[in-house]
């Protein structure tokens, strides 16, 4: 298995999971803006970590993440139908806080810049 193939499969899984969450997951707890930011897949394609960014409070993020985790079996079966692989990888969802952390850093930098302009 080449790393290039694993990368292509990860990108295809990312695209399909985004579509499945947007159109097929009917759980009312999966609301708001959810973005699949990345998929890390093992070289043997047996496991995939799906990183999601969820817009909302910490509590809303945890509720949505729990709902996605509960829907893992459904999402995995949909991936199996859409992507031709010998074995569909096991999926685990993880919260990607990099976008919110980046927004926090930008906010801090803006405050520092304003403070410098005042002095």
Protein backbone atom coordinates (compact mmCIF):
# COMPACT_ATOMS: atom_id res chain seq x y z
CA UNK A 1 0.00 0.00 0.00
CA UNK A 2 1.53 3.30 -1.01
CA UNK A 3 1.17 6.48 0.97
CA UNK A 4 -0.23 8.14 -2.14
CA UNK A 5 -3.09 5.62 -2.28
CA UNK A 6 -3.81 6.05 1.44
CA UNK A 7 -3.90 9.83 0.91
CA UNK A 8 -6.33 9.51 -2.03
CA UNK A 9 -8.59 7.16 -0.05
CA UNK A 10 -8.52 9.54 2.94
CA UNK A 11 -9.52 12.48 0.73
CA UNK A 12 -12.35 10.47 -0.83
CA UNK A 13 -13.57 9.40 2.62
CA UNK A 14 -13.44 13.04 3.77
CA UNK A 15 -15.53 14.15 0.79
CA UNK A 16 -18.09 11.37 1.24
CA UNK A 17 -18.44 11.83 5.01
CA UNK A 18 -19.07 15.54 4.48
CA UNK A 19 -21.84 14.68 2.04
CA UNK A 20 -23.32 11.99 4.32
CA UNK A 21 -23.41 14.34 7.33
CA UNK A 22 -24.95 17.11 5.24
CA UNK A 23 -27.65 15.02 3.52
CA UNK A 24 -28.18 11.63 5.15
CA UNK A 25 -27.65 11.84 8.92
CA UNK A 26 -31.10 12.54 10.37
CA UNK A 27 -30.15 12.87 14.05
CA UNK A 28 -31.51 16.25 15.29
CA UNK A 29 -28.42 16.66 17.50
CA UNK A 30 -26.29 16.97 14.36
CA UNK A 31 -27.06 20.60 13.63
CA UNK A 32 -25.24 23.76 12.78
CA UNK A 33 -22.06 24.09 10.85
CA UNK A 34 -20.03 20.90 10.80
CA UNK A 35 -16.94 20.71 8.67
CA UNK A 36 -14.85 17.60 8.09
CA UNK A 37 -11.37 19.09 8.26
CA UNK A 38 -9.30 15.97 7.75
CA UNK A 39 -9.03 12.21 7.74
CA UNK A 40 -5.99 10.32 8.97
CA UNK A 41 -6.03 6.74 7.73
CA UNK A 42 -3.70 3.89 8.60
CA UNK A 43 -1.52 2.48 5.84
CA UNK A 44 -3.55 -0.74 5.76
CA UNK A 45 -6.78 1.32 5.50
CA UNK A 46 -8.28 -0.43 8.53
CA UNK A 47 -8.82 2.64 10.74
CA UNK A 48 -9.60 6.26 9.97
CA UNK A 49 -9.67 9.22 12.36
CA UNK A 50 -12.14 11.79 11.12
CA UNK A 51 -11.47 15.32 12.35
CA UNK A 52 -14.50 17.60 12.50
CA UNK A 53 -14.86 21.27 13.30
CA UNK A 54 -18.21 22.11 14.88
CA UNK A 55 -19.41 25.68 15.20
CA UNK A 56 -21.08 26.35 18.56
CA UNK A 57 -20.51 26.34 22.30
CA UNK A 58 -18.44 23.62 23.96
CA UNK A 59 -21.64 21.92 25.08
CA UNK A 60 -23.12 21.98 21.55
CA UNK A 61 -19.85 20.62 20.16
CA UNK A 62 -19.86 17.72 22.62
CA UNK A 63 -23.51 16.90 21.91
CA UNK A 64 -22.90 16.94 18.14
CA UNK A 65 -19.72 14.86 18.50
CA UNK A 66 -21.63 12.29 20.58
CA UNK A 67 -24.34 12.13 17.90
CA UNK A 68 -21.72 11.62 15.17
CA UNK A 69 -20.11 8.88 17.23
CA UNK A 70 -23.49 7.20 17.63
CA UNK A 71 -24.02 7.44 13.85
CA UNK A 72 -20.61 5.89 13.08
CA UNK A 73 -22.10 2.54 12.01
CA UNK A 74 -24.49 4.22 9.57
CA UNK A 75 -21.78 6.50 8.18
CA UNK A 76 -19.39 3.57 7.79
CA UNK A 77 -21.99 1.52 5.90
CA UNK A 78 -22.66 4.48 3.60
CA UNK A 79 -18.91 4.81 2.95
CA UNK A 80 -18.87 1.09 2.08
CA UNK A 81 -21.61 1.64 -0.50
CA UNK A 82 -19.99 4.71 -2.05
CA UNK A 83 -16.30 3.78 -2.14
CA UNK A 84 -15.09 0.47 -3.54
CA UNK A 85 -12.70 -0.90 -0.94
CA UNK A 86 -12.06 -4.45 0.15
CA UNK A 87 -12.71 -3.44 3.78
CA UNK A 88 -14.34 -0.24 4.97
CA UNK A 89 -12.17 1.34 7.68
CA UNK A 90 -13.32 1.67 11.28
CA UNK A 91 -14.17 5.33 11.90
CA UNK A 92 -13.50 7.44 14.96
CA UNK A 93 -14.58 11.07 15.16
CA UNK A 94 -12.43 13.66 16.90
CA UNK A 95 -13.03 17.33 17.46
CA UNK A 96 -10.65 19.57 15.53
CA UNK A 97 -10.12 22.71 17.56
CA UNK A 98 -7.56 24.25 15.20
CA UNK A 99 -10.05 26.62 13.56
CA UNK A 100 -11.35 27.96 16.88
CA UNK A 101 -7.78 28.16 18.21
CA UNK A 102 -6.76 30.14 15.10
CA UNK A 103 -9.68 32.54 15.66
CA UNK A 104 -8.59 32.96 19.29
CA UNK A 105 -5.01 33.76 18.24
CA UNK A 106 -6.26 36.30 15.68
CA UNK A 107 -8.39 37.94 18.38
CA UNK A 108 -5.40 38.17 20.74
CA UNK A 109 -3.23 39.66 17.97
CA UNK A 110 -5.92 42.26 17.17
CA UNK A 111 -6.11 43.27 20.84
CA UNK A 112 -2.32 43.62 21.00
CA UNK A 113 -2.33 45.71 17.81
CA UNK A 114 -5.08 47.99 19.18
CA UNK A 115 -3.15 48.40 22.42
CA UNK A 116 0.01 49.32 20.49
CA UNK A 117 -1.91 51.88 18.41
CA UNK A 118 -3.32 53.55 21.54
CA UNK A 119 0.11 54.02 23.15
